[in-house]
């Protein structure tokens, strides 16, 4: 059974940093591409960053240069380092993996950027 558990969210001031973690189980983690998405109130869920099984990355234009996605295959964990946070980054952040054409999601972790 595929499970994704996010952690690391919280309240941070504009310009601050947070690191999100997503621990995966039930899959051979190193074989799968992983993604971070976010959903702000009243908005659709959007892709923030993805990392392939080989370590290639891509980012939404809104976070390029500020966020970094990485993975530790020994720990079955994907990370999202978020720097220079802005109020518009406020959202629930979700981890995602697609297995056999089915998408799996974690429970989400709230990130609030506010002074």
PDB file of N, CA and C in Angstrom:
ATOM      1  N   UNK A   1       0.851  -1.179   0.000  1.00  0.00           N
ATOM      2  CA  UNK A   1       0.000   0.000   0.000  1.00  0.00           C
ATOM      3  C   UNK A   1       0.894   1.238   0.000  1.00  0.00           C
ATOM      4  N   UNK A   2       0.643   2.118  -0.978  1.00  0.00           N
ATOM      5  CA  UNK A   2       1.445   3.321  -1.098  1.00  0.00           C
ATOM      6  C   UNK A   2       1.018   4.339  -0.053  1.00  0.00           C
ATOM      7  N   UNK A   3       1.976   4.866   0.677  1.00  0.00           N
ATOM      8  CA  UNK A   3       1.690   5.924   1.649  1.00  0.00           C
ATOM      9  C   UNK A   3       2.719   7.028   1.513  1.00  0.00           C
ATOM     10  N   UNK A   4       2.234   8.262   1.602  1.00  0.00           N
ATOM     11  CA  UNK A   4       3.085   9.444   1.575  1.00  0.00           C
ATOM     12  C   UNK A   4       2.743  10.287   2.792  1.00  0.00           C
ATOM     13  N   UNK A   5       3.754  10.676   3.549  1.00  0.00           N
ATOM     14  CA  UNK A   5       3.535  11.467   4.754  1.00  0.00           C
ATOM     15  C   UNK A   5       4.404  12.708   4.696  1.00  0.00           C
ATOM     16  N   UNK A   6       3.745  13.871   4.605  1.00  0.00           N
ATOM     17  CA  UNK A   6       4.454  15.145   4.554  1.00  0.00           C
ATOM     18  C   UNK A   6       4.656  15.709   5.959  1.00  0.00           C
ATOM     19  N   UNK A   7       5.702  16.505   6.097  1.00  0.00           N
ATOM     20  CA  UNK A   7       5.962  17.214   7.340  1.00  0.00           C
ATOM     21  C   UNK A   7       6.792  18.451   7.032  1.00  0.00           C
ATOM     22  N   UNK A   8       6.869  19.343   8.020  1.00  0.00           N
ATOM     23  CA  UNK A   8       7.754  20.494   7.900  1.00  0.00           C
ATOM     24  C   UNK A   8       7.076  21.823   7.640  1.00  0.00           C
ATOM     25  N   UNK A   9       5.768  21.812   7.477  1.00  0.00           N
ATOM     26  CA  UNK A   9       5.071  23.066   7.260  1.00  0.00           C
ATOM     27  C   UNK A   9       5.007  23.905   8.524  1.00  0.00           C
ATOM     28  N   UNK A  10       4.476  25.123   8.368  1.00  0.00           N
ATOM     29  CA  UNK A  10       4.348  25.993   9.521  1.00  0.00           C
ATOM     30  C   UNK A  10       4.123  27.428   9.114  1.00  0.00           C
ATOM     31  N   UNK A  11       4.235  28.307  10.098  1.00  0.00           N
ATOM     32  CA  UNK A  11       4.083  29.741   9.893  1.00  0.00           C
ATOM     33  C   UNK A  11       5.471  30.374   9.805  1.00  0.00           C
ATOM     34  N   UNK A  12       5.694  31.157   8.767  1.00  0.00           N
ATOM     35  CA  UNK A  12       6.989  31.799   8.570  1.00  0.00           C
ATOM     36  C   UNK A  12       6.770  33.209   8.049  1.00  0.00           C
ATOM     37  N   UNK A  13       7.679  34.105   8.387  1.00  0.00           N
ATOM     38  CA  UNK A  13       7.584  35.482   7.902  1.00  0.00           C
ATOM     39  C   UNK A  13       8.050  35.582   6.452  1.00  0.00           C
ATOM     40  N   UNK A  14       7.562  36.580   5.736  1.00  0.00           N
ATOM     41  CA  UNK A  14       8.061  36.794   4.369  1.00  0.00           C
ATOM     42  C   UNK A  14       9.579  36.897   4.353  1.00  0.00           C
ATOM     43  N   UNK A  15      10.184  36.241   3.367  1.00  0.00           N
ATOM     44  CA  UNK A  15      11.637  36.198   3.273  1.00  0.00           C
ATOM     45  C   UNK A  15      12.259  35.024   4.002  1.00  0.00           C
ATOM     46  N   UNK A  16      11.465  34.307   4.777  1.00  0.00           N
ATOM     47  CA  UNK A  16      11.973  33.179   5.540  1.00  0.00           C
ATOM     48  C   UNK A  16      12.079  31.901   4.732  1.00  0.00           C
ATOM     49  N   UNK A  17      12.461  30.831   5.422  1.00  0.00           N
ATOM     50  CA  UNK A  17      12.682  29.539   4.768  1.00  0.00           C
ATOM     51  C   UNK A  17      11.985  28.426   5.536  1.00  0.00           C
ATOM     52  N   UNK A  18      11.644  27.386   4.806  1.00  0.00           N
ATOM     53  CA  UNK A  18      11.125  26.144   5.384  1.00  0.00           C
ATOM     54  C   UNK A  18      11.624  24.990   4.529  1.00  0.00           C
ATOM     55  N   UNK A  19      11.740  23.824   5.139  1.00  0.00           N
ATOM     56  CA  UNK A  19      12.044  22.611   4.375  1.00  0.00           C
ATOM     57  C   UNK A  19      10.948  21.593   4.636  1.00  0.00           C
ATOM     58  N   UNK A  20      10.292  21.199   3.583  1.00  0.00           N
ATOM     59  CA  UNK A  20       9.273  20.164   3.667  1.00  0.00           C
ATOM     60  C   UNK A  20       9.893  18.808   3.371  1.00  0.00           C
ATOM     61  N   UNK A  21       9.353  17.788   4.034  1.00  0.00           N
ATOM     62  CA  UNK A  21       9.780  16.411   3.798  1.00  0.00           C
ATOM     63  C   UNK A  21       8.566  15.553   3.453  1.00  0.00           C
ATOM     64  N   UNK A  22       8.790  14.545   2.642  1.00  0.00           N
ATOM     65  CA  UNK A  22       7.735  13.584   2.311  1.00  0.00           C
ATOM     66  C   UNK A  22       8.352  12.195   2.363  1.00  0.00           C
ATOM     67  N   UNK A  23       7.901  11.410   3.326  1.00  0.00           N
ATOM     68  CA  UNK A  23       8.392  10.041   3.477  1.00  0.00           C
ATOM     69  C   UNK A  23       7.438   9.088   2.766  1.00  0.00           C
ATOM     70  N   UNK A  24       7.992   8.269   1.888  1.00  0.00           N
ATOM     71  CA  UNK A  24       7.195   7.337   1.096  1.00  0.00           C
ATOM     72  C   UNK A  24       7.397   5.908   1.579  1.00  0.00           C
ATOM     73  N   UNK A  25       6.333   5.116   1.484  1.00  0.00           N
ATOM     74  CA  UNK A  25       6.417   3.697   1.777  1.00  0.00           C
ATOM     75  C   UNK A  25       5.503   2.945   0.819  1.00  0.00           C
ATOM     76  N   UNK A  26       5.753   1.653   0.682  1.00  0.00           N
ATOM     77  CA  UNK A  26       4.925   0.833  -0.193  1.00  0.00           C
ATOM     78  C   UNK A  26       5.350   0.840  -1.646  1.00  0.00           C
ATOM     79  N   UNK A  27       6.437   1.531  -1.952  1.00  0.00           N
ATOM     80  CA  UNK A  27       6.967   1.558  -3.315  1.00  0.00           C
ATOM     81  C   UNK A  27       8.483   1.394  -3.270  1.00  0.00           C
ATOM     82  N   UNK A  28       9.046   0.986  -4.412  1.00  0.00           N
ATOM     83  CA  UNK A  28      10.507   1.006  -4.553  1.00  0.00           C
ATOM     84  C   UNK A  28      10.851   2.435  -4.945  1.00  0.00           C
ATOM     85  N   UNK A  29      11.099   3.231  -3.936  1.00  0.00           N
ATOM     86  CA  UNK A  29      11.138   4.692  -4.058  1.00  0.00           C
ATOM     87  C   UNK A  29      12.063   5.148  -5.175  1.00  0.00           C
ATOM     88  N   UNK A  30      13.212   4.546  -5.293  1.00  0.00           N
ATOM     89  CA  UNK A  30      14.228   5.042  -6.234  1.00  0.00           C
ATOM     90  C   UNK A  30      13.781   4.932  -7.690  1.00  0.00           C
ATOM     91  N   UNK A  31      12.734   4.158  -7.943  1.00  0.00           N
ATOM     92  CA  UNK A  31      12.280   3.939  -9.317  1.00  0.00           C
ATOM     93  C   UNK A  31      11.286   4.988  -9.811  1.00  0.00           C
ATOM     94  N   UNK A  32      10.791   5.828  -8.889  1.00  0.00           N
ATOM     95  CA  UNK A  32       9.674   6.695  -9.233  1.00  0.00           C
ATOM     96  C   UNK A  32      10.024   8.178  -9.219  1.00  0.00           C
ATOM     97  N   UNK A  33       9.415   8.896 -10.176  1.00  0.00           N
ATOM     98  CA  UNK A  33       9.433  10.349 -10.136  1.00  0.00           C
ATOM     99  C   UNK A  33       8.530  10.804  -8.989  1.00  0.00           C
ATOM    100  N   UNK A  34       8.920  11.904  -8.351  1.00  0.00           N
ATOM    101  CA  UNK A  34       8.156  12.444  -7.225  1.00  0.00           C
ATOM    102  C   UNK A  34       7.843  13.913  -7.481  1.00  0.00           C
ATOM    103  N   UNK A  35       6.710  14.354  -6.934  1.00  0.00           N
ATOM    104  CA  UNK A  35       6.332  15.742  -7.139  1.00  0.00           C
ATOM    105  C   UNK A  35       5.815  16.407  -5.875  1.00  0.00           C
ATOM    106  N   UNK A  36       5.974  17.720  -5.850  1.00  0.00           N
ATOM    107  CA  UNK A  36       5.335  18.573  -4.831  1.00  0.00           C
ATOM    108  C   UNK A  36       4.314  19.462  -5.538  1.00  0.00           C
ATOM    109  N   UNK A  37       3.119  19.496  -4.982  1.00  0.00           N
ATOM    110  CA  UNK A  37       2.050  20.354  -5.467  1.00  0.00           C
ATOM    111  C   UNK A  37       1.586  21.234  -4.312  1.00  0.00           C
ATOM    112  N   UNK A  38       0.832  22.265  -4.642  1.00  0.00           N
ATOM    113  CA  UNK A  38       0.238  23.091  -3.593  1.00  0.00           C
ATOM    114  C   UNK A  38      -1.153  23.558  -4.012  1.00  0.00           C
ATOM    115  N   UNK A  39      -1.957  23.827  -3.004  1.00  0.00           N
ATOM    116  CA  UNK A  39      -3.303  24.322  -3.250  1.00  0.00           C
ATOM    117  C   UNK A  39      -3.615  25.425  -2.252  1.00  0.00           C
ATOM    118  N   UNK A  40      -3.824  26.615  -2.790  1.00  0.00           N
ATOM    119  CA  UNK A  40      -4.208  27.761  -1.982  1.00  0.00           C
ATOM    120  C   UNK A  40      -5.737  27.831  -1.906  1.00  0.00           C
ATOM    121  N   UNK A  41      -6.265  28.497  -0.887  1.00  0.00           N
ATOM    122  CA  UNK A  41      -7.725  28.592  -0.752  1.00  0.00           C
ATOM    123  C   UNK A  41      -8.370  29.184  -2.000  1.00  0.00           C
ATOM    124  N   UNK A  42      -9.398  28.498  -2.507  1.00  0.00           N
ATOM    125  CA  UNK A  42     -10.118  28.980  -3.670  1.00  0.00           C
ATOM    126  C   UNK A  42      -9.413  28.780  -4.991  1.00  0.00           C
ATOM    127  N   UNK A  43      -8.278  28.086  -4.979  1.00  0.00           N
ATOM    128  CA  UNK A  43      -7.519  27.887  -6.215  1.00  0.00           C
ATOM    129  C   UNK A  43      -7.345  26.396  -6.486  1.00  0.00           C
ATOM    130  N   UNK A  44      -7.002  26.094  -7.732  1.00  0.00           N
ATOM    131  CA  UNK A  44      -6.739  24.706  -8.098  1.00  0.00           C
ATOM    132  C   UNK A  44      -5.371  24.267  -7.604  1.00  0.00           C
ATOM    133  N   UNK A  45      -5.235  22.982  -7.420  1.00  0.00           N
ATOM    134  CA  UNK A  45      -3.933  22.428  -7.053  1.00  0.00           C
ATOM    135  C   UNK A  45      -2.977  22.617  -8.232  1.00  0.00           C
ATOM    136  N   UNK A  46      -1.754  23.030  -7.933  1.00  0.00           N
ATOM    137  CA  UNK A  46      -0.779  23.296  -8.985  1.00  0.00           C
ATOM    138  C   UNK A  46       0.547  22.629  -8.677  1.00  0.00           C
ATOM    139  N   UNK A  47       1.251  22.286  -9.763  1.00  0.00           N
ATOM    140  CA  UNK A  47       2.572  21.691  -9.621  1.00  0.00           C
ATOM    141  C   UNK A  47       3.567  22.743  -9.145  1.00  0.00           C
ATOM    142  N   UNK A  48       4.360  22.385  -8.153  1.00  0.00           N
ATOM    143  CA  UNK A  48       5.426  23.259  -7.667  1.00  0.00           C
ATOM    144  C   UNK A  48       6.770  22.796  -8.220  1.00  0.00           C
ATOM    145  N   UNK A  49       7.059  21.498  -8.056  1.00  0.00           N
ATOM    146  CA  UNK A  49       8.342  20.962  -8.501  1.00  0.00           C
ATOM    147  C   UNK A  49       8.238  19.457  -8.652  1.00  0.00           C
ATOM    148  N   UNK A  50       9.062  18.919  -9.567  1.00  0.00           N
ATOM    149  CA  UNK A  50       9.122  17.473  -9.736  1.00  0.00           C
ATOM    150  C   UNK A  50      10.579  17.064  -9.841  1.00  0.00           C
ATOM    151  N   UNK A  51      10.841  15.824  -9.413  1.00  0.00           N
ATOM    152  CA  UNK A  51      12.172  15.252  -9.553  1.00  0.00           C
ATOM    153  C   UNK A  51      12.013  13.842 -10.095  1.00  0.00           C
ATOM    154  N   UNK A  52      12.787  13.542 -11.133  1.00  0.00           N
ATOM    155  CA  UNK A  52      12.684  12.216 -11.732  1.00  0.00           C
ATOM    156  C   UNK A  52      13.468  11.193 -10.926  1.00  0.00           C
ATOM    157  N   UNK A  53      13.301   9.926 -11.280  1.00  0.00           N
ATOM    158  CA  UNK A  53      14.062   8.875 -10.608  1.00  0.00           C
ATOM    159  C   UNK A  53      15.557   9.065 -10.832  1.00  0.00           C
ATOM    160  N   UNK A  54      15.914   9.716 -11.928  1.00  0.00           N
ATOM    161  CA  UNK A  54      17.319   9.956 -12.223  1.00  0.00           C
ATOM    162  C   UNK A  54      17.858  11.246 -11.643  1.00  0.00           C
ATOM    163  N   UNK A  55      16.978  12.020 -11.002  1.00  0.00           N
ATOM    164  CA  UNK A  55      17.426  13.240 -10.344  1.00  0.00           C
ATOM    165  C   UNK A  55      17.226  14.523 -11.130  1.00  0.00           C
ATOM    166  N   UNK A  56      16.634  14.453 -12.315  1.00  0.00           N
ATOM    167  CA  UNK A  56      16.340  15.672 -13.058  1.00  0.00           C
ATOM    168  C   UNK A  56      15.176  16.393 -12.395  1.00  0.00           C
ATOM    169  N   UNK A  57      15.207  17.720 -12.466  1.00  0.00           N
ATOM    170  CA  UNK A  57      14.197  18.517 -11.778  1.00  0.00           C
ATOM    171  C   UNK A  57      13.531  19.517 -12.717  1.00  0.00           C
ATOM    172  N   UNK A  58      12.310  19.879 -12.384  1.00  0.00           N
ATOM    173  CA  UNK A  58      11.672  21.012 -13.039  1.00  0.00           C
ATOM    174  C   UNK A  58      10.787  21.719 -12.028  1.00  0.00           C
ATOM    175  N   UNK A  59      10.578  23.027 -12.279  1.00  0.00           N
ATOM    176  CA  UNK A  59       9.910  23.895 -11.321  1.00  0.00           C
ATOM    177  C   UNK A  59       8.861  24.766 -11.994  1.00  0.00           C
ATOM    178  N   UNK A  60       7.856  25.125 -11.227  1.00  0.00           N
ATOM    179  CA  UNK A  60       6.937  26.161 -11.675  1.00  0.00           C
ATOM    180  C   UNK A  60       7.697  27.478 -11.773  1.00  0.00           C
ATOM    181  N   UNK A  61       7.323  28.304 -12.744  1.00  0.00           N
ATOM    182  CA  UNK A  61       8.026  29.578 -12.923  1.00  0.00           C
ATOM    183  C   UNK A  61       7.986  30.426 -11.660  1.00  0.00           C
ATOM    184  N   UNK A  62       6.904  30.319 -10.908  1.00  0.00           N
ATOM    185  CA  UNK A  62       6.729  31.168  -9.733  1.00  0.00           C
ATOM    186  C   UNK A  62       7.700  30.845  -8.601  1.00  0.00           C
ATOM    187  N   UNK A  63       8.332  29.678  -8.650  1.00  0.00           N
ATOM    188  CA  UNK A  63       9.234  29.293  -7.554  1.00  0.00           C
ATOM    189  C   UNK A  63      10.674  29.096  -8.012  1.00  0.00           C
ATOM    190  N   UNK A  64      10.927  29.223  -9.295  1.00  0.00           N
ATOM    191  CA  UNK A  64      12.299  29.026  -9.795  1.00  0.00           C
ATOM    192  C   UNK A  64      13.259  29.987  -9.124  1.00  0.00           C
ATOM    193  N   UNK A  65      14.400  29.445  -8.705  1.00  0.00           N
ATOM    194  CA  UNK A  65      15.406  30.255  -8.044  1.00  0.00           C
ATOM    195  C   UNK A  65      15.192  30.403  -6.549  1.00  0.00           C
ATOM    196  N   UNK A  66      14.028  29.997  -6.058  1.00  0.00           N
ATOM    197  CA  UNK A  66      13.738  30.100  -4.623  1.00  0.00           C
ATOM    198  C   UNK A  66      13.557  28.727  -3.967  1.00  0.00           C
ATOM    199  N   UNK A  67      12.979  27.791  -4.695  1.00  0.00           N
ATOM    200  CA  UNK A  67      12.708  26.456  -4.156  1.00  0.00           C
ATOM    201  C   UNK A  67      13.646  25.435  -4.788  1.00  0.00           C
ATOM    202  N   UNK A  68      13.982  24.411  -4.013  1.00  0.00           N
ATOM    203  CA  UNK A  68      14.812  23.321  -4.516  1.00  0.00           C
ATOM    204  C   UNK A  68      14.218  21.992  -4.077  1.00  0.00           C
ATOM    205  N   UNK A  69      13.973  21.111  -5.039  1.00  0.00           N
ATOM    206  CA  UNK A  69      13.502  19.766  -4.736  1.00  0.00           C
ATOM    207  C   UNK A  69      14.695  18.820  -4.766  1.00  0.00           C
ATOM    208  N   UNK A  70      14.702  17.868  -3.839  1.00  0.00           N
ATOM    209  CA  UNK A  70      15.775  16.879  -3.794  1.00  0.00           C
ATOM    210  C   UNK A  70      15.207  15.575  -3.245  1.00  0.00           C
ATOM    211  N   UNK A  71      15.988  14.535  -3.343  1.00  0.00           N
ATOM    212  CA  UNK A  71      15.531  13.238  -2.839  1.00  0.00           C
ATOM    213  C   UNK A  71      16.693  12.492  -2.206  1.00  0.00           C
ATOM    214  N   UNK A  72      16.342  11.643  -1.234  1.00  0.00           N
ATOM    215  CA  UNK A  72      17.301  10.760  -0.580  1.00  0.00           C
ATOM    216  C   UNK A  72      16.735   9.349  -0.714  1.00  0.00           C
ATOM    217  N   UNK A  73      17.238   8.602  -1.674  1.00  0.00           N
ATOM    218  CA  UNK A  73      16.677   7.272  -1.930  1.00  0.00           C
ATOM    219  C   UNK A  73      16.938   6.300  -0.778  1.00  0.00           C
ATOM    220  N   UNK A  74      17.985   6.536  -0.015  1.00  0.00           N
ATOM    221  CA  UNK A  74      18.261   5.665   1.132  1.00  0.00           C
ATOM    222  C   UNK A  74      17.221   5.847   2.226  1.00  0.00           C
ATOM    223  N   UNK A  75      16.613   7.039   2.264  1.00  0.00           N
ATOM    224  CA  UNK A  75      15.605   7.337   3.288  1.00  0.00           C
ATOM    225  C   UNK A  75      14.186   7.333   2.741  1.00  0.00           C
ATOM    226  N   UNK A  76      14.047   7.020   1.454  1.00  0.00           N
ATOM    227  CA  UNK A  76      12.714   7.032   0.818  1.00  0.00           C
ATOM    228  C   UNK A  76      12.005   8.365   1.034  1.00  0.00           C
ATOM    229  N   UNK A  77      12.738   9.446   0.904  1.00  0.00           N
ATOM    230  CA  UNK A  77      12.210  10.764   1.235  1.00  0.00           C
ATOM    231  C   UNK A  77      12.537  11.768   0.136  1.00  0.00           C
ATOM    232  N   UNK A  78      11.546  12.612  -0.143  1.00  0.00           N
ATOM    233  CA  UNK A  78      11.745  13.739  -1.054  1.00  0.00           C
ATOM    234  C   UNK A  78      11.566  15.023  -0.246  1.00  0.00           C
ATOM    235  N   UNK A  79      12.365  16.023  -0.582  1.00  0.00           N
ATOM    236  CA  UNK A  79      12.384  17.276   0.163  1.00  0.00           C
ATOM    237  C   UNK A  79      12.020  18.450  -0.749  1.00  0.00           C
ATOM    238  N   UNK A  80      11.536  19.501  -0.129  1.00  0.00           N
ATOM    239  CA  UNK A  80      11.343  20.768  -0.826  1.00  0.00           C
ATOM    240  C   UNK A  80      11.895  21.869   0.065  1.00  0.00           C
ATOM    241  N   UNK A  81      13.054  22.389  -0.329  1.00  0.00           N
ATOM    242  CA  UNK A  81      13.642  23.527   0.379  1.00  0.00           C
ATOM    243  C   UNK A  81      13.054  24.801  -0.199  1.00  0.00           C
ATOM    244  N   UNK A  82      12.433  25.598   0.648  1.00  0.00           N
ATOM    245  CA  UNK A  82      11.756  26.816   0.205  1.00  0.00           C
ATOM    246  C   UNK A  82      12.428  28.020   0.860  1.00  0.00           C
ATOM    247  N   UNK A  83      13.013  28.871   0.046  1.00  0.00           N
ATOM    248  CA  UNK A  83      13.678  30.083   0.519  1.00  0.00           C
ATOM    249  C   UNK A  83      12.964  31.316  -0.021  1.00  0.00           C
ATOM    250  N   UNK A  84      13.265  32.445   0.581  1.00  0.00           N
ATOM    251  CA  UNK A  84      12.679  33.715   0.142  1.00  0.00           C
ATOM    252  C   UNK A  84      11.165  33.605  -0.020  1.00  0.00           C
ATOM    253  N   UNK A  85      10.542  33.064   0.989  1.00  0.00           N
ATOM    254  CA  UNK A  85       9.102  32.810   0.905  1.00  0.00           C
ATOM    255  C   UNK A  85       8.314  34.103   0.828  1.00  0.00           C
ATOM    256  N   UNK A  86       7.214  34.026   0.070  1.00  0.00           N
ATOM    257  CA  UNK A  86       6.332  35.169  -0.142  1.00  0.00           C
ATOM    258  C   UNK A  86       4.925  34.830   0.358  1.00  0.00           C
ATOM    259  N   UNK A  87       4.129  35.838   0.675  1.00  0.00           N
ATOM    260  CA  UNK A  87       2.746  35.542   1.110  1.00  0.00           C
ATOM    261  C   UNK A  87       1.975  34.698   0.095  1.00  0.00           C
ATOM    262  N   UNK A  88       2.274  34.868  -1.177  1.00  0.00           N
ATOM    263  CA  UNK A  88       1.557  34.098  -2.202  1.00  0.00           C
ATOM    264  C   UNK A  88       1.981  32.631  -2.249  1.00  0.00           C
ATOM    265  N   UNK A  89       2.976  32.252  -1.466  1.00  0.00           N
ATOM    266  CA  UNK A  89       3.345  30.839  -1.339  1.00  0.00           C
ATOM    267  C   UNK A  89       2.473  30.119  -0.313  1.00  0.00           C
ATOM    268  N   UNK A  90       1.638  30.860   0.388  1.00  0.00           N
ATOM    269  CA  UNK A  90       0.745  30.261   1.378  1.00  0.00           C
ATOM    270  C   UNK A  90      -0.187  29.263   0.717  1.00  0.00           C
ATOM    271  N   UNK A  91      -0.181  28.029   1.213  1.00  0.00           N
ATOM    272  CA  UNK A  91      -0.977  26.952   0.618  1.00  0.00           C
ATOM    273  C   UNK A  91      -0.792  25.684   1.441  1.00  0.00           C
ATOM    274  N   UNK A  92      -1.603  24.692   1.134  1.00  0.00           N
ATOM    275  CA  UNK A  92      -1.330  23.344   1.607  1.00  0.00           C
ATOM    276  C   UNK A  92      -0.468  22.673   0.553  1.00  0.00           C
ATOM    277  N   UNK A  93       0.635  22.108   0.988  1.00  0.00           N
ATOM    278  CA  UNK A  93       1.594  21.468   0.087  1.00  0.00           C
ATOM    279  C   UNK A  93       1.435  19.951   0.182  1.00  0.00           C
ATOM    280  N   UNK A  94       1.365  19.328  -1.000  1.00  0.00           N
ATOM    281  CA  UNK A  94       1.139  17.887  -1.102  1.00  0.00           C
ATOM    282  C   UNK A  94       2.271  17.221  -1.858  1.00  0.00           C
ATOM    283  N   UNK A  95       2.590  16.025  -1.434  1.00  0.00           N
ATOM    284  CA  UNK A  95       3.535  15.154  -2.113  1.00  0.00           C
ATOM    285  C   UNK A  95       2.755  14.214  -3.036  1.00  0.00           C
ATOM    286  N   UNK A  96       3.342  13.873  -4.171  1.00  0.00           N
ATOM    287  CA  UNK A  96       2.639  13.042  -5.156  1.00  0.00           C
ATOM    288  C   UNK A  96       3.575  12.028  -5.793  1.00  0.00           C
ATOM    289  N   UNK A  97       3.007  10.848  -6.043  1.00  0.00           N
ATOM    290  CA  UNK A  97       3.688   9.852  -6.863  1.00  0.00           C
ATOM    291  C   UNK A  97       2.627   9.147  -7.709  1.00  0.00           C
ATOM    292  N   UNK A  98       2.973   8.840  -8.940  1.00  0.00           N
ATOM    293  CA  UNK A  98       2.095   8.099  -9.836  1.00  0.00           C
ATOM    294  C   UNK A  98       2.615   6.677  -9.980  1.00  0.00           C
ATOM    295  N   UNK A  99       1.782   5.720  -9.625  1.00  0.00           N
ATOM    296  CA  UNK A  99       2.163   4.312  -9.682  1.00  0.00           C
ATOM    297  C   UNK A  99       1.117   3.580 -10.512  1.00  0.00           C
ATOM    298  N   UNK A 100       1.566   2.957 -11.593  1.00  0.00           N
ATOM    299  CA  UNK A 100       0.638   2.206 -12.461  1.00  0.00           C
ATOM    300  C   UNK A 100      -0.558   3.070 -12.870  1.00  0.00           C
ATOM    301  N   UNK A 101      -0.265   4.312 -13.293  1.00  0.00           N
ATOM    302  CA  UNK A 101      -1.261   5.259 -13.799  1.00  0.00           C
ATOM    303  C   UNK A 101      -2.239   5.734 -12.734  1.00  0.00           C
ATOM    304  N   UNK A 102      -1.936   5.501 -11.471  1.00  0.00           N
ATOM    305  CA  UNK A 102      -2.777   5.995 -10.389  1.00  0.00           C
ATOM    306  C   UNK A 102      -1.975   6.985  -9.562  1.00  0.00           C
ATOM    307  N   UNK A 103      -2.583   8.125  -9.263  1.00  0.00           N
ATOM    308  CA  UNK A 103      -1.909   9.134  -8.461  1.00  0.00           C
ATOM    309  C   UNK A 103      -2.157   8.937  -6.979  1.00  0.00           C
ATOM    310  N   UNK A 104      -1.085   9.038  -6.213  1.00  0.00           N
ATOM    311  CA  UNK A 104      -1.179   8.944  -4.754  1.00  0.00           C
ATOM    312  C   UNK A 104      -0.746  10.269  -4.154  1.00  0.00           C
ATOM    313  N   UNK A 105      -1.434  10.642  -3.075  1.00  0.00           N
ATOM    314  CA  UNK A 105      -1.192  11.929  -2.419  1.00  0.00           C
ATOM    315  C   UNK A 105      -1.030  11.738  -0.925  1.00  0.00           C
ATOM    316  N   UNK A 106      -0.225  12.598  -0.329  1.00  0.00           N
ATOM    317  CA  UNK A 106      -0.165  12.640   1.106  1.00  0.00           C
ATOM    318  C   UNK A 106      -1.319  13.454   1.654  1.00  0.00           C
ATOM    319  N   UNK A 107      -1.296  13.638   2.980  1.00  0.00           N
ATOM    320  CA  UNK A 107      -2.384  14.367   3.640  1.00  0.00           C
ATOM    321  C   UNK A 107      -2.204  15.876   3.531  1.00  0.00           C
ATOM    322  N   UNK A 108      -1.007  16.298   3.137  1.00  0.00           N
ATOM    323  CA  UNK A 108      -0.726  17.716   2.996  1.00  0.00           C
ATOM    324  C   UNK A 108      -0.149  18.329   4.257  1.00  0.00           C
ATOM    325  N   UNK A 109       0.611  19.408   4.056  1.00  0.00           N
ATOM    326  CA  UNK A 109       1.162  20.167   5.181  1.00  0.00           C
ATOM    327  C   UNK A 109       0.958  21.653   4.887  1.00  0.00           C
ATOM    328  N   UNK A 110       0.465  22.378   5.868  1.00  0.00           N
ATOM    329  CA  UNK A 110       0.115  23.791   5.679  1.00  0.00           C
ATOM    330  C   UNK A 110       1.367  24.662   5.776  1.00  0.00           C
ATOM    331  N   UNK A 111       1.532  25.531   4.795  1.00  0.00           N
ATOM    332  CA  UNK A 111       2.568  26.558   4.827  1.00  0.00           C
ATOM    333  C   UNK A 111       1.875  27.911   4.801  1.00  0.00           C
ATOM    334  N   UNK A 112       2.158  28.732   5.804  1.00  0.00           N
ATOM    335  CA  UNK A 112       1.580  30.072   5.885  1.00  0.00           C
ATOM    336  C   UNK A 112       2.708  31.086   5.971  1.00  0.00           C
ATOM    337  N   UNK A 113       2.709  32.014   5.017  1.00  0.00           N
ATOM    338  CA  UNK A 113       3.732  33.058   4.986  1.00  0.00           C
ATOM    339  C   UNK A 113       3.052  34.376   5.317  1.00  0.00           C
ATOM    340  N   UNK A 114       3.373  34.900   6.481  1.00  0.00           N
ATOM    341  CA  UNK A 114       2.688  36.103   6.947  1.00  0.00           C
ATOM    342  C   UNK A 114       3.528  36.790   8.008  1.00  0.00           C
ATOM    343  N   UNK A 115       3.419  38.111   8.045  1.00  0.00           N
ATOM    344  CA  UNK A 115       4.103  38.865   9.082  1.00  0.00           C
ATOM    345  C   UNK A 115       3.161  39.107  10.265  1.00  0.00           C
TER     346      UNK A 115
END
